[in-house]
Amino acid sequence: MDKEPLLALFNRANVLAGALLLLVLVSGVAVSYVGHENRRLHNVLQQEQENLNTAQVEWGKLLLQHGMLTSPGRIESLARGELGMNVPDSGRIEVVAP
């Protein structure tokens, strides 16, 4: 019985099994890495959404403050109190045509 073809078959089978084992290991490492990266990016997303919510709350507060500071009643009371201004009499108002 000739052992040469039998040894060639085992060598070929060993190489194939080794290659498949290597591919399975690489695939396992890749799955683990992708899972870790997914969790990391999800945490980054959650942090950015929290930053967005904080910025939106701050924007709302600034809009309220702007509305309060530019209200006509407040401006008129500041003009009367701090600048000594008052509304002119109807005889002193002049309308300028364009």
Protein backbone atom coordinates (compact mmCIF):
# COMPACT_ATOMS: atom_id res chain seq x y z
CA MET A 1 0.00 0.00 0.00
CA ASP A 2 1.35 3.37 -1.06
CA LYS A 3 1.42 5.90 1.82
CA GLU A 4 2.32 8.88 -0.36
CA PRO A 5 -1.30 9.80 -1.45
CA LEU A 6 -2.55 9.22 2.09
CA LEU A 7 0.03 11.63 3.58
CA ALA A 8 -0.80 14.23 0.93
CA LEU A 9 -4.49 13.94 1.85
CA PHE A 10 -3.75 14.43 5.56
CA ASN A 11 -1.48 17.38 4.85
CA ARG A 12 -4.11 18.99 2.67
CA ALA A 13 -6.79 18.30 5.30
CA ASN A 14 -4.58 19.75 8.04
CA VAL A 15 -3.94 22.91 6.04
CA LEU A 16 -7.64 23.29 5.33
CA ALA A 17 -8.55 22.69 8.98
CA GLY A 18 -5.90 25.17 10.11
CA ALA A 19 -7.17 27.77 7.67
CA LEU A 20 -10.77 27.26 8.81
CA LEU A 21 -9.70 27.48 12.46
CA LEU A 22 -7.88 30.72 11.73
CA LEU A 23 -10.94 32.13 9.94
CA VAL A 24 -13.18 31.18 12.88
CA LEU A 25 -10.82 32.88 15.33
CA VAL A 26 -10.60 36.04 13.19
CA SER A 27 -14.37 36.06 12.86
CA GLY A 28 -14.78 35.74 16.64
CA VAL A 29 -12.37 38.63 17.28
CA ALA A 30 -14.20 40.73 14.67
CA VAL A 31 -17.58 40.05 16.29
CA SER A 32 -16.19 40.99 19.70
CA TYR A 33 -14.63 44.19 18.32
CA VAL A 34 -17.82 45.24 16.52
CA GLY A 35 -19.88 44.65 19.68
CA HIS A 36 -17.47 46.76 21.72
CA GLU A 37 -17.44 49.53 19.10
CA ASN A 38 -21.25 49.48 18.98
CA ARG A 39 -21.48 49.96 22.76
CA ARG A 40 -18.86 52.73 22.69
CA LEU A 41 -20.62 54.61 19.90
CA HIS A 42 -23.98 54.19 21.64
CA ASN A 43 -22.51 55.81 24.75
CA VAL A 44 -21.18 58.68 22.62
CA LEU A 45 -24.64 59.08 21.06
CA GLN A 46 -26.30 59.18 24.48
CA GLN A 47 -23.83 61.84 25.66
CA GLU A 48 -24.42 63.97 22.54
CA GLN A 49 -28.19 63.70 22.99
CA GLU A 50 -27.78 64.85 26.59
CA ASN A 51 -25.69 67.78 25.37
CA LEU A 52 -28.41 68.62 22.83
CA ASN A 53 -31.10 68.59 25.52
CA THR A 54 -28.98 70.83 27.76
CA ALA A 55 -28.41 73.26 24.88
CA GLN A 56 -32.14 73.32 24.07
CA VAL A 57 -33.01 74.12 27.70
CA GLU A 58 -30.42 76.91 27.70
CA TRP A 59 -31.80 78.26 24.40
CA GLY A 60 -35.31 78.32 25.86
CA LYS A 61 -34.08 80.25 28.90
CA LEU A 62 -32.29 82.74 26.65
CA LEU A 63 -35.42 83.24 24.55
CA LEU A 64 -37.45 83.95 27.70
CA GLN A 65 -34.82 86.39 28.93
CA HIS A 66 -34.73 88.12 25.54
CA GLY A 67 -38.50 88.43 25.51
CA MET A 68 -38.49 89.89 29.01
CA LEU A 69 -35.69 92.38 28.32
CA THR A 70 -37.19 93.64 25.06
CA SER A 71 -40.80 93.94 26.16
CA PRO A 72 -42.28 97.35 25.24
CA GLY A 73 -43.44 98.01 28.81
CA ARG A 74 -39.96 97.45 30.25
CA ILE A 75 -38.34 99.61 27.59
CA GLU A 76 -40.81 102.41 28.23
CA SER A 77 -40.33 102.28 31.99
CA LEU A 78 -36.53 102.35 31.57
CA ALA A 79 -36.81 105.27 29.15
CA ARG A 80 -38.96 107.21 31.62
CA GLY A 81 -37.02 106.31 34.75
CA GLU A 82 -33.35 106.17 33.76
CA LEU A 83 -33.30 108.47 30.73
CA GLY A 84 -36.02 110.93 31.72
CA MET A 85 -37.85 110.46 28.42
CA ASN A 86 -41.61 110.79 27.95
CA VAL A 87 -44.13 110.58 25.15
CA PRO A 88 -44.40 113.94 23.29
CA ASP A 89 -47.68 115.81 23.09
CA SER A 90 -49.76 115.29 19.97
CA GLY A 91 -48.89 118.79 18.76
CA ARG A 92 -45.17 118.00 18.80
CA ILE A 93 -45.46 114.81 16.71
CA GLU A 94 -44.59 115.26 13.05
CA VAL A 95 -45.27 112.69 10.36
CA VAL A 96 -42.65 112.56 7.64
CA ALA A 97 -43.78 111.35 4.22
CA PRO A 98 -41.49 108.95 2.40
